[in-house]
Amino acid sequence: MAKGYSLHIGLNFVDPQHYAGWDGRLIACEADAKDMKLISHSLNYDNTSTLLTASATINNVTTEIKKAATDLENGDIFFLTYSGHGGTTPDLNHDESDNTDETWCLYDGQLLDDELFELWFLFKKGVRIIVLSDSCHSGTVTRARYYGLDVDTNFDSINNNRYRFMPLEIASRTFKNNEDFYIKKIKRIVQNRNSNDLKSSIKLISGCQDNQTSADGDINGLFTEKLLKVWDKGNFQGNYKDFHEKIKLLMPPIQTPNYYNIGATNTFFDTQKPFTI
């Protein structure tokens, strides 16, 4: 019988010591993680965990993902969600057309899209991975491929909303203050990996496109709020693509969720109801 593991990450702030004095204060990210965990519980996942704010460190997140990669076998599923700030760092290994790596802003530092991509190679043949990322610039965060569009950094002024976006000046200072840290991370990454060599199948449904920002909220992030509405406590009927399309219909034009696949083709995964073990 197939197994289901899930990990739900939510950060309402980050450590200012790493992020050049910026704490990135948000409101709804921990609540997003807890609500995603409830979905896992409702579907009887075998192993479900959350990492919230100060517990959502680079080591804790990567350790949990590696544990799932070790334990899961052909036919099993890993359900991974992230809610928090999206960031950028300079593309030190020159594999991005926009010269930046997209990141998850974890408590003690950024997890690069290149690092996530490396982690997928640890999963065995036939494992299904579904990633939800309610963060800015998350359109292809599982392995970013930028579309060459201009990033609009003025969304914070629209209706006084909060957006899950690390300001560019903070991103620059954070990298400058921790340059050795990020250079070492890149040096640990195997170069010239090809997604066609992945044995597992990875689906991403993101809160926005790579050139957009994701709105925070008072209860949930905007993307998570609409996702939960479409999920309808498990009453949703359809596959992952249907799920994405219905969420997208509820979103404003400045925030368009992306649906993105990498890795091995898995028709069974494609046709399943979302998150099904």
C-alpha atoms as a PDB file:
ATOM      1  CA  MET A   1       0.000   0.000   0.000  1.00  0.00           C
ATOM      2  CA  ALA A   2       1.284   3.468  -0.928  1.00  0.00           C
ATOM      3  CA  LYS A   3       2.573   5.782   1.803  1.00  0.00           C
ATOM      4  CA  GLY A   4       2.078   9.525   2.157  1.00  0.00           C
ATOM      5  CA  TYR A   5       4.578  11.890   3.794  1.00  0.00           C
ATOM      6  CA  SER A   6       3.998  15.625   4.103  1.00  0.00           C
ATOM      7  CA  LEU A   7       5.971  18.656   5.267  1.00  0.00           C
ATOM      8  CA  HIS A   8       4.384  22.070   5.752  1.00  0.00           C
ATOM      9  CA  ILE A   9       6.592  25.157   6.183  1.00  0.00           C
ATOM     10  CA  GLY A  10       5.333  28.558   7.293  1.00  0.00           C
ATOM     11  CA  LEU A  11       7.327  31.612   8.377  1.00  0.00           C
ATOM     12  CA  ASN A  12       5.764  34.745   9.826  1.00  0.00           C
ATOM     13  CA  PHE A  13       9.220  36.314  10.167  1.00  0.00           C
ATOM     14  CA  VAL A  14      12.896  35.557   9.567  1.00  0.00           C
ATOM     15  CA  ASP A  15      16.091  36.106  11.556  1.00  0.00           C
ATOM     16  CA  PRO A  16      17.229  39.744  11.103  1.00  0.00           C
ATOM     17  CA  GLN A  17      20.820  38.697  11.826  1.00  0.00           C
ATOM     18  CA  HIS A  18      21.008  36.952   8.472  1.00  0.00           C
ATOM     19  CA  TYR A  19      18.729  39.280   6.523  1.00  0.00           C
ATOM     20  CA  ALA A  20      20.545  42.604   7.033  1.00  0.00           C
ATOM     21  CA  GLY A  21      18.311  43.715   9.926  1.00  0.00           C
ATOM     22  CA  TRP A  22      15.055  42.838   8.103  1.00  0.00           C
ATOM     23  CA  ASP A  23      12.615  40.481   9.840  1.00  0.00           C
ATOM     24  CA  GLY A  24      10.159  40.156   6.931  1.00  0.00           C
ATOM     25  CA  ARG A  25       7.147  40.255   9.218  1.00  0.00           C
ATOM     26  CA  LEU A  26       4.043  38.548   7.788  1.00  0.00           C
ATOM     27  CA  ILE A  27       0.772  37.404   9.359  1.00  0.00           C
ATOM     28  CA  ALA A  28      -0.771  34.349   7.699  1.00  0.00           C
ATOM     29  CA  CYS A  29       2.092  32.000   6.804  1.00  0.00           C
ATOM     30  CA  GLU A  30       1.996  29.795   9.897  1.00  0.00           C
ATOM     31  CA  ALA A  31      -1.778  29.500   9.482  1.00  0.00           C
ATOM     32  CA  ASP A  32      -1.261  28.405   5.861  1.00  0.00           C
ATOM     33  CA  ALA A  33       1.083  25.621   6.986  1.00  0.00           C
ATOM     34  CA  LYS A  34      -1.347  24.452   9.655  1.00  0.00           C
ATOM     35  CA  ASP A  35      -4.230  24.381   7.173  1.00  0.00           C
ATOM     36  CA  MET A  36      -2.161  22.338   4.713  1.00  0.00           C
ATOM     37  CA  LYS A  37      -1.341  19.934   7.526  1.00  0.00           C
ATOM     38  CA  LEU A  38      -5.083  19.496   8.134  1.00  0.00           C
ATOM     39  CA  ILE A  39      -5.469  18.377   4.518  1.00  0.00           C
ATOM     40  CA  SER A  40      -2.750  15.767   5.072  1.00  0.00           C
ATOM     41  CA  HIS A  41      -4.483  14.541   8.234  1.00  0.00           C
ATOM     42  CA  SER A  42      -7.835  14.315   6.468  1.00  0.00           C
ATOM     43  CA  LEU A  43      -6.231  12.069   3.838  1.00  0.00           C
ATOM     44  CA  ASN A  44      -4.527   9.843   6.439  1.00  0.00           C
ATOM     45  CA  TYR A  45      -0.929  10.593   5.544  1.00  0.00           C
ATOM     46  CA  ASP A  46       1.488   8.285   7.367  1.00  0.00           C
ATOM     47  CA  ASN A  47       3.921  11.006   8.414  1.00  0.00           C
ATOM     48  CA  THR A  48       3.010  14.686   8.644  1.00  0.00           C
ATOM     49  CA  SER A  49       5.146  17.492  10.084  1.00  0.00           C
ATOM     50  CA  THR A  50       5.251  21.275  10.237  1.00  0.00           C
ATOM     51  CA  LEU A  51       8.176  23.665  10.531  1.00  0.00           C
ATOM     52  CA  LEU A  52       7.048  27.089  11.710  1.00  0.00           C
ATOM     53  CA  THR A  53       9.109  30.314  11.696  1.00  0.00           C
ATOM     54  CA  ALA A  54      12.185  29.797  13.937  1.00  0.00           C
ATOM     55  CA  SER A  55      12.003  26.015  13.401  1.00  0.00           C
ATOM     56  CA  ALA A  56      12.024  26.455   9.613  1.00  0.00           C
ATOM     57  CA  THR A  57      15.804  26.513   9.285  1.00  0.00           C
ATOM     58  CA  ILE A  58      17.761  25.351   6.253  1.00  0.00           C
ATOM     59  CA  ASN A  59      18.994  22.293   8.140  1.00  0.00           C
ATOM     60  CA  ASN A  60      15.551  21.301   9.446  1.00  0.00           C
ATOM     61  CA  VAL A  61      13.864  21.714   6.066  1.00  0.00           C
ATOM     62  CA  THR A  62      16.507  19.807   4.104  1.00  0.00           C
ATOM     63  CA  THR A  63      16.680  17.081   6.771  1.00  0.00           C
ATOM     64  CA  GLU A  64      12.927  16.479   6.530  1.00  0.00           C
ATOM     65  CA  ILE A  65      13.034  16.372   2.718  1.00  0.00           C
ATOM     66  CA  LYS A  66      15.964  13.934   2.808  1.00  0.00           C
ATOM     67  CA  LYS A  67      14.089  11.756   5.294  1.00  0.00           C
ATOM     68  CA  ALA A  68      11.149  11.570   2.890  1.00  0.00           C
ATOM     69  CA  ALA A  69      13.515  10.733   0.024  1.00  0.00           C
ATOM     70  CA  THR A  70      15.017   7.873   2.054  1.00  0.00           C
ATOM     71  CA  ASP A  71      11.720   6.401   3.247  1.00  0.00           C
ATOM     72  CA  LEU A  72       9.446   6.742   0.221  1.00  0.00           C
ATOM     73  CA  GLU A  73       9.300   4.055  -2.459  1.00  0.00           C
ATOM     74  CA  ASN A  74       7.755   3.596  -5.882  1.00  0.00           C
ATOM     75  CA  GLY A  75       4.103   4.672  -5.760  1.00  0.00           C
ATOM     76  CA  ASP A  76       4.422   6.778  -2.587  1.00  0.00           C
ATOM     77  CA  ILE A  77       3.726  10.536  -2.378  1.00  0.00           C
ATOM     78  CA  PHE A  78       5.486  13.503  -0.776  1.00  0.00           C
ATOM     79  CA  PHE A  79       3.321  16.594  -0.172  1.00  0.00           C
ATOM     80  CA  LEU A  80       5.486  19.687   0.454  1.00  0.00           C
ATOM     81  CA  THR A  81       4.150  23.193   1.097  1.00  0.00           C
ATOM     82  CA  TYR A  82       5.899  26.496   1.701  1.00  0.00           C
ATOM     83  CA  SER A  83       4.372  29.770   2.865  1.00  0.00           C
ATOM     84  CA  GLY A  84       6.631  32.763   3.346  1.00  0.00           C
ATOM     85  CA  HIS A  85       8.810  35.237   1.505  1.00  0.00           C
ATOM     86  CA  GLY A  86      10.327  34.487  -1.867  1.00  0.00           C
ATOM     87  CA  GLY A  87      13.719  35.999  -2.556  1.00  0.00           C
ATOM     88  CA  THR A  88      16.555  36.137  -5.053  1.00  0.00           C
ATOM     89  CA  THR A  89      20.327  35.734  -5.046  1.00  0.00           C
ATOM     90  CA  PRO A  90      22.857  36.271  -7.850  1.00  0.00           C
ATOM     91  CA  ASP A  91      23.130  33.259 -10.175  1.00  0.00           C
ATOM     92  CA  LEU A  92      26.657  32.189  -9.290  1.00  0.00           C
ATOM     93  CA  ASN A  93      26.629  29.004 -11.392  1.00  0.00           C
ATOM     94  CA  HIS A  94      25.262  30.780 -14.490  1.00  0.00           C
ATOM     95  CA  ASP A  95      22.269  28.559 -15.215  1.00  0.00           C
ATOM     96  CA  GLU A  96      19.572  31.255 -15.168  1.00  0.00           C
ATOM     97  CA  SER A  97      18.713  33.530 -18.089  1.00  0.00           C
ATOM     98  CA  ASP A  98      17.820  36.386 -15.697  1.00  0.00           C
ATOM     99  CA  ASN A  99      21.092  35.966 -13.721  1.00  0.00           C
ATOM    100  CA  THR A 100      19.263  35.309 -10.433  1.00  0.00           C
ATOM    101  CA  ASP A 101      18.303  32.231  -8.431  1.00  0.00           C
ATOM    102  CA  GLU A 102      14.842  32.231  -6.896  1.00  0.00           C
ATOM    103  CA  THR A 103      14.698  31.242  -3.225  1.00  0.00           C
ATOM    104  CA  TRP A 104      12.610  30.341  -0.215  1.00  0.00           C
ATOM    105  CA  CYS A 105      13.466  32.696   2.661  1.00  0.00           C
ATOM    106  CA  LEU A 106      13.926  30.257   5.522  1.00  0.00           C
ATOM    107  CA  TYR A 107      14.564  31.462   9.053  1.00  0.00           C
ATOM    108  CA  ASP A 108      18.372  31.411   9.009  1.00  0.00           C
ATOM    109  CA  GLY A 109      19.020  31.852   5.290  1.00  0.00           C
ATOM    110  CA  GLN A 110      17.705  31.309   1.783  1.00  0.00           C
ATOM    111  CA  LEU A 111      17.168  27.911   0.202  1.00  0.00           C
ATOM    112  CA  LEU A 112      18.033  28.238  -3.485  1.00  0.00           C
ATOM    113  CA  ASP A 113      15.977  26.769  -6.301  1.00  0.00           C
ATOM    114  CA  ASP A 114      19.187  24.941  -7.316  1.00  0.00           C
ATOM    115  CA  GLU A 115      19.250  23.273  -3.887  1.00  0.00           C
ATOM    116  CA  LEU A 116      15.639  22.149  -4.175  1.00  0.00           C
ATOM    117  CA  PHE A 117      16.421  20.757  -7.609  1.00  0.00           C
ATOM    118  CA  GLU A 118      19.336  18.770  -6.146  1.00  0.00           C
ATOM    119  CA  LEU A 119      17.079  17.304  -3.473  1.00  0.00           C
ATOM    120  CA  TRP A 120      14.661  15.896  -6.054  1.00  0.00           C
ATOM    121  CA  PHE A 121      17.450  13.612  -7.338  1.00  0.00           C
ATOM    122  CA  LEU A 122      17.433  11.815  -3.969  1.00  0.00           C
ATOM    123  CA  PHE A 123      13.918  10.463  -4.535  1.00  0.00           C
ATOM    124  CA  LYS A 124      13.408   6.995  -5.955  1.00  0.00           C
ATOM    125  CA  LYS A 125      11.746   5.991  -9.193  1.00  0.00           C
ATOM    126  CA  GLY A 126       7.964   6.301  -9.134  1.00  0.00           C
ATOM    127  CA  VAL A 127       7.698   8.656  -6.137  1.00  0.00           C
ATOM    128  CA  ARG A 128       5.144  11.438  -6.633  1.00  0.00           C
ATOM    129  CA  ILE A 129       5.998  14.907  -5.275  1.00  0.00           C
ATOM    130  CA  ILE A 130       3.499  17.767  -5.092  1.00  0.00           C
ATOM    131  CA  VAL A 131       4.812  21.190  -4.052  1.00  0.00           C
ATOM    132  CA  LEU A 132       2.664  24.206  -3.170  1.00  0.00           C
ATOM    133  CA  SER A 133       4.553  27.491  -2.809  1.00  0.00           C
ATOM    134  CA  ASP A 134       2.633  30.536  -1.552  1.00  0.00           C
ATOM    135  CA  SER A 135       5.523  32.957  -2.024  1.00  0.00           C
ATOM    136  CA  CYS A 136       6.676  35.636  -4.436  1.00  0.00           C
ATOM    137  CA  HIS A 137       8.527  34.753  -7.651  1.00  0.00           C
ATOM    138  CA  SER A 138       7.524  31.108  -7.152  1.00  0.00           C
ATOM    139  CA  GLY A 139       6.371  30.201 -10.659  1.00  0.00           C
ATOM    140  CA  THR A 140       9.133  27.645 -11.181  1.00  0.00           C
ATOM    141  CA  VAL A 141      10.867  27.605  -7.798  1.00  0.00           C
ATOM    142  CA  THR A 142      11.286  23.817  -7.947  1.00  0.00           C
ATOM    143  CA  ARG A 143      13.694  24.563 -10.794  1.00  0.00           C
ATOM    144  CA  ALA A 144      13.387  28.160 -11.972  1.00  0.00           C
ATOM    145  CA  ARG A 145      13.324  29.073 -15.628  1.00  0.00           C
ATOM    146  CA  TYR A 146      12.660  32.769 -15.888  1.00  0.00           C
ATOM    147  CA  TYR A 147      10.423  34.040 -18.663  1.00  0.00           C
ATOM    148  CA  GLY A 148      12.251  37.319 -19.318  1.00  0.00           C
ATOM    149  CA  LEU A 149       9.480  39.573 -18.014  1.00  0.00           C
ATOM    150  CA  ASP A 150      10.056  42.671 -15.911  1.00  0.00           C
ATOM    151  CA  VAL A 151       9.480  42.269 -12.179  1.00  0.00           C
ATOM    152  CA  ASP A 152       6.998  44.782 -10.806  1.00  0.00           C
ATOM    153  CA  THR A 153       8.270  45.724  -7.362  1.00  0.00           C
ATOM    154  CA  ASN A 154       5.520  48.270  -6.718  1.00  0.00           C
ATOM    155  CA  PHE A 155       2.793  45.841  -5.707  1.00  0.00           C
ATOM    156  CA  ASP A 156       3.285  46.723  -2.030  1.00  0.00           C
ATOM    157  CA  SER A 157       1.599  50.051  -2.679  1.00  0.00           C
ATOM    158  CA  ILE A 158      -1.600  48.513  -4.095  1.00  0.00           C
ATOM    159  CA  ASN A 159      -4.406  48.745  -1.540  1.00  0.00           C
ATOM    160  CA  ASN A 160      -1.741  48.750   1.225  1.00  0.00           C
ATOM    161  CA  ASN A 161      -1.502  44.974   0.901  1.00  0.00           C
ATOM    162  CA  ARG A 162       1.381  42.933   2.302  1.00  0.00           C
ATOM    163  CA  TYR A 163       3.317  40.887  -0.237  1.00  0.00           C
ATOM    164  CA  ARG A 164       5.595  37.926   0.335  1.00  0.00           C
ATOM    165  CA  PHE A 165       8.526  39.583  -1.385  1.00  0.00           C
ATOM    166  CA  MET A 166      11.989  40.283  -0.010  1.00  0.00           C
ATOM    167  CA  PRO A 167      12.791  43.861  -1.150  1.00  0.00           C
ATOM    168  CA  LEU A 168      15.592  44.035  -3.693  1.00  0.00           C
ATOM    169  CA  GLU A 169      17.747  46.249  -1.471  1.00  0.00           C
ATOM    170  CA  ILE A 170      17.429  43.707   1.361  1.00  0.00           C
ATOM    171  CA  ALA A 171      18.228  40.869  -1.036  1.00  0.00           C
ATOM    172  CA  SER A 172      21.378  42.693  -2.163  1.00  0.00           C
ATOM    173  CA  ARG A 173      22.543  43.477   1.374  1.00  0.00           C
ATOM    174  CA  THR A 174      21.733  39.967   2.576  1.00  0.00           C
ATOM    175  CA  PHE A 175      23.864  38.450  -0.165  1.00  0.00           C
ATOM    176  CA  LYS A 176      26.714  40.927   0.380  1.00  0.00           C
ATOM    177  CA  ASN A 177      26.752  40.299   4.142  1.00  0.00           C
ATOM    178  CA  ASN A 178      26.717  36.502   3.652  1.00  0.00           C
ATOM    179  CA  GLU A 179      28.579  36.127   0.364  1.00  0.00           C
ATOM    180  CA  ASP A 180      30.836  33.275   1.524  1.00  0.00           C
ATOM    181  CA  PHE A 181      27.799  31.393   2.847  1.00  0.00           C
ATOM    182  CA  TYR A 182      26.040  31.495  -0.548  1.00  0.00           C
ATOM    183  CA  ILE A 183      29.198  30.784  -2.551  1.00  0.00           C
ATOM    184  CA  LYS A 184      29.763  27.621  -0.496  1.00  0.00           C
ATOM    185  CA  LYS A 185      26.154  26.549  -1.111  1.00  0.00           C
ATOM    186  CA  ILE A 186      26.619  26.852  -4.872  1.00  0.00           C
ATOM    187  CA  LYS A 187      29.935  24.963  -4.788  1.00  0.00           C
ATOM    188  CA  ARG A 188      28.164  22.002  -3.140  1.00  0.00           C
ATOM    189  CA  ILE A 189      25.684  21.729  -6.018  1.00  0.00           C
ATOM    190  CA  VAL A 190      26.373  19.255  -8.803  1.00  0.00           C
ATOM    191  CA  GLN A 191      26.602  21.133 -12.077  1.00  0.00           C
ATOM    192  CA  ASN A 192      24.730  20.410 -15.316  1.00  0.00           C
ATOM    193  CA  ARG A 193      21.927  18.358 -13.809  1.00  0.00           C
ATOM    194  CA  ASN A 194      19.170  17.566 -16.303  1.00  0.00           C
ATOM    195  CA  SER A 195      15.547  17.295 -15.157  1.00  0.00           C
ATOM    196  CA  ASN A 196      15.097  14.444 -17.656  1.00  0.00           C
ATOM    197  CA  ASP A 197      17.328  12.359 -15.381  1.00  0.00           C
ATOM    198  CA  LEU A 198      14.987  12.661 -12.401  1.00  0.00           C
ATOM    199  CA  LYS A 199      13.415   9.361 -11.347  1.00  0.00           C
ATOM    200  CA  SER A 200      10.530  10.929  -9.439  1.00  0.00           C
ATOM    201  CA  SER A 201       7.700  13.112 -10.754  1.00  0.00           C
ATOM    202  CA  ILE A 202       7.389  16.637  -9.353  1.00  0.00           C
ATOM    203  CA  LYS A 203       4.397  18.949  -9.680  1.00  0.00           C
ATOM    204  CA  LEU A 204       4.434  22.570  -8.548  1.00  0.00           C
ATOM    205  CA  ILE A 205       1.384  24.744  -8.054  1.00  0.00           C
ATOM    206  CA  SER A 206       2.704  28.170  -7.123  1.00  0.00           C
ATOM    207  CA  GLY A 207       1.115  31.280  -5.685  1.00  0.00           C
ATOM    208  CA  CYS A 208       2.197  33.384  -8.659  1.00  0.00           C
ATOM    209  CA  GLN A 209       4.449  33.537 -11.712  1.00  0.00           C
ATOM    210  CA  ASP A 210       8.222  34.125 -11.491  1.00  0.00           C
ATOM    211  CA  ASN A 211       7.709  37.805 -12.317  1.00  0.00           C
ATOM    212  CA  GLN A 212       4.876  38.370  -9.811  1.00  0.00           C
ATOM    213  CA  THR A 213       4.359  38.712  -6.067  1.00  0.00           C
ATOM    214  CA  SER A 214       2.036  36.786  -3.722  1.00  0.00           C
ATOM    215  CA  ALA A 215      -0.248  38.598  -1.286  1.00  0.00           C
ATOM    216  CA  ASP A 216      -0.317  37.865   2.415  1.00  0.00           C
ATOM    217  CA  GLY A 217      -3.653  38.086   4.274  1.00  0.00           C
ATOM    218  CA  ASP A 218      -5.155  38.298   7.741  1.00  0.00           C
ATOM    219  CA  ILE A 219      -6.141  34.618   7.885  1.00  0.00           C
ATOM    220  CA  ASN A 220      -4.419  32.940   4.924  1.00  0.00           C
ATOM    221  CA  GLY A 221      -2.298  34.080   2.023  1.00  0.00           C
ATOM    222  CA  LEU A 222      -4.418  34.971  -0.996  1.00  0.00           C
ATOM    223  CA  PHE A 223      -3.309  31.889  -2.959  1.00  0.00           C
ATOM    224  CA  THR A 224      -3.851  29.558  -0.005  1.00  0.00           C
ATOM    225  CA  GLU A 225      -7.237  31.128   0.719  1.00  0.00           C
ATOM    226  CA  LYS A 226      -8.434  30.428  -2.841  1.00  0.00           C
ATOM    227  CA  LEU A 227      -6.871  26.963  -2.829  1.00  0.00           C
ATOM    228  CA  LEU A 228      -8.778  26.054   0.325  1.00  0.00           C
ATOM    229  CA  LYS A 229     -11.988  27.384  -1.196  1.00  0.00           C
ATOM    230  CA  VAL A 230     -11.539  25.203  -4.296  1.00  0.00           C
ATOM    231  CA  TRP A 231     -10.506  22.200  -2.190  1.00  0.00           C
ATOM    232  CA  ASP A 232     -13.794  22.641  -0.296  1.00  0.00           C
ATOM    233  CA  LYS A 233     -12.819  20.366   2.603  1.00  0.00           C
ATOM    234  CA  GLY A 234     -12.071  17.552   0.178  1.00  0.00           C
ATOM    235  CA  ASN A 235     -15.203  17.857  -1.934  1.00  0.00           C
ATOM    236  CA  PHE A 236     -13.248  19.011  -5.005  1.00  0.00           C
ATOM    237  CA  GLN A 237     -13.447  16.562  -7.896  1.00  0.00           C
ATOM    238  CA  GLY A 238     -10.857  16.647 -10.674  1.00  0.00           C
ATOM    239  CA  ASN A 239      -7.123  16.298 -11.305  1.00  0.00           C
ATOM    240  CA  TYR A 240      -4.203  18.623 -10.518  1.00  0.00           C
ATOM    241  CA  LYS A 241      -4.601  20.624 -13.717  1.00  0.00           C
ATOM    242  CA  ASP A 242      -8.312  21.120 -13.025  1.00  0.00           C
ATOM    243  CA  PHE A 243      -7.437  22.173  -9.479  1.00  0.00           C
ATOM    244  CA  HIS A 244      -4.956  24.762 -10.716  1.00  0.00           C
ATOM    245  CA  GLU A 245      -7.391  26.158 -13.297  1.00  0.00           C
ATOM    246  CA  LYS A 246     -10.153  26.611 -10.721  1.00  0.00           C
ATOM    247  CA  ILE A 247      -7.797  28.387  -8.311  1.00  0.00           C
ATOM    248  CA  LYS A 248      -6.553  30.633 -11.107  1.00  0.00           C
ATOM    249  CA  LEU A 249     -10.107  31.714 -11.922  1.00  0.00           C
ATOM    250  CA  LEU A 250     -10.449  33.126  -8.385  1.00  0.00           C
ATOM    251  CA  MET A 251      -7.194  35.097  -8.471  1.00  0.00           C
ATOM    252  CA  PRO A 252      -6.598  38.722  -9.582  1.00  0.00           C
ATOM    253  CA  PRO A 253      -4.680  39.286 -12.834  1.00  0.00           C
ATOM    254  CA  ILE A 254      -1.604  40.572 -10.989  1.00  0.00           C
ATOM    255  CA  GLN A 255      -1.200  37.209  -9.232  1.00  0.00           C
ATOM    256  CA  THR A 256      -1.515  34.179 -11.511  1.00  0.00           C
ATOM    257  CA  PRO A 257      -0.763  30.751 -10.006  1.00  0.00           C
ATOM    258  CA  ASN A 258       1.519  28.556 -12.114  1.00  0.00           C
ATOM    259  CA  TYR A 259       1.305  24.815 -12.801  1.00  0.00           C
ATOM    260  CA  TYR A 260       4.677  23.267 -13.563  1.00  0.00           C
ATOM    261  CA  ASN A 261       5.945  19.701 -14.011  1.00  0.00           C
ATOM    262  CA  ILE A 262       9.462  18.261 -14.006  1.00  0.00           C
ATOM    263  CA  GLY A 263      10.867  14.771 -13.784  1.00  0.00           C
ATOM    264  CA  ALA A 264       9.508  11.457 -14.989  1.00  0.00           C
ATOM    265  CA  THR A 265       6.159  11.322 -16.765  1.00  0.00           C
ATOM    266  CA  ASN A 266       3.505   9.762 -14.521  1.00  0.00           C
ATOM    267  CA  THR A 267       0.055   9.533 -16.115  1.00  0.00           C
ATOM    268  CA  PHE A 268      -1.410   8.046 -12.942  1.00  0.00           C
ATOM    269  CA  PHE A 269      -0.224  11.110 -10.989  1.00  0.00           C
ATOM    270  CA  ASP A 270      -1.555  13.458 -13.673  1.00  0.00           C
ATOM    271  CA  THR A 271      -5.075  12.061 -13.492  1.00  0.00           C
ATOM    272  CA  GLN A 272      -5.413  11.772  -9.694  1.00  0.00           C
ATOM    273  CA  LYS A 273      -7.400  13.977  -7.386  1.00  0.00           C
ATOM    274  CA  PRO A 274      -4.880  16.317  -5.692  1.00  0.00           C
ATOM    275  CA  PHE A 275      -2.907  14.981  -2.701  1.00  0.00           C
ATOM    276  CA  THR A 276      -4.316  11.448  -3.042  1.00  0.00           C
ATOM    277  CA  ILE A 277      -2.088   8.783  -1.511  1.00  0.00           C
END
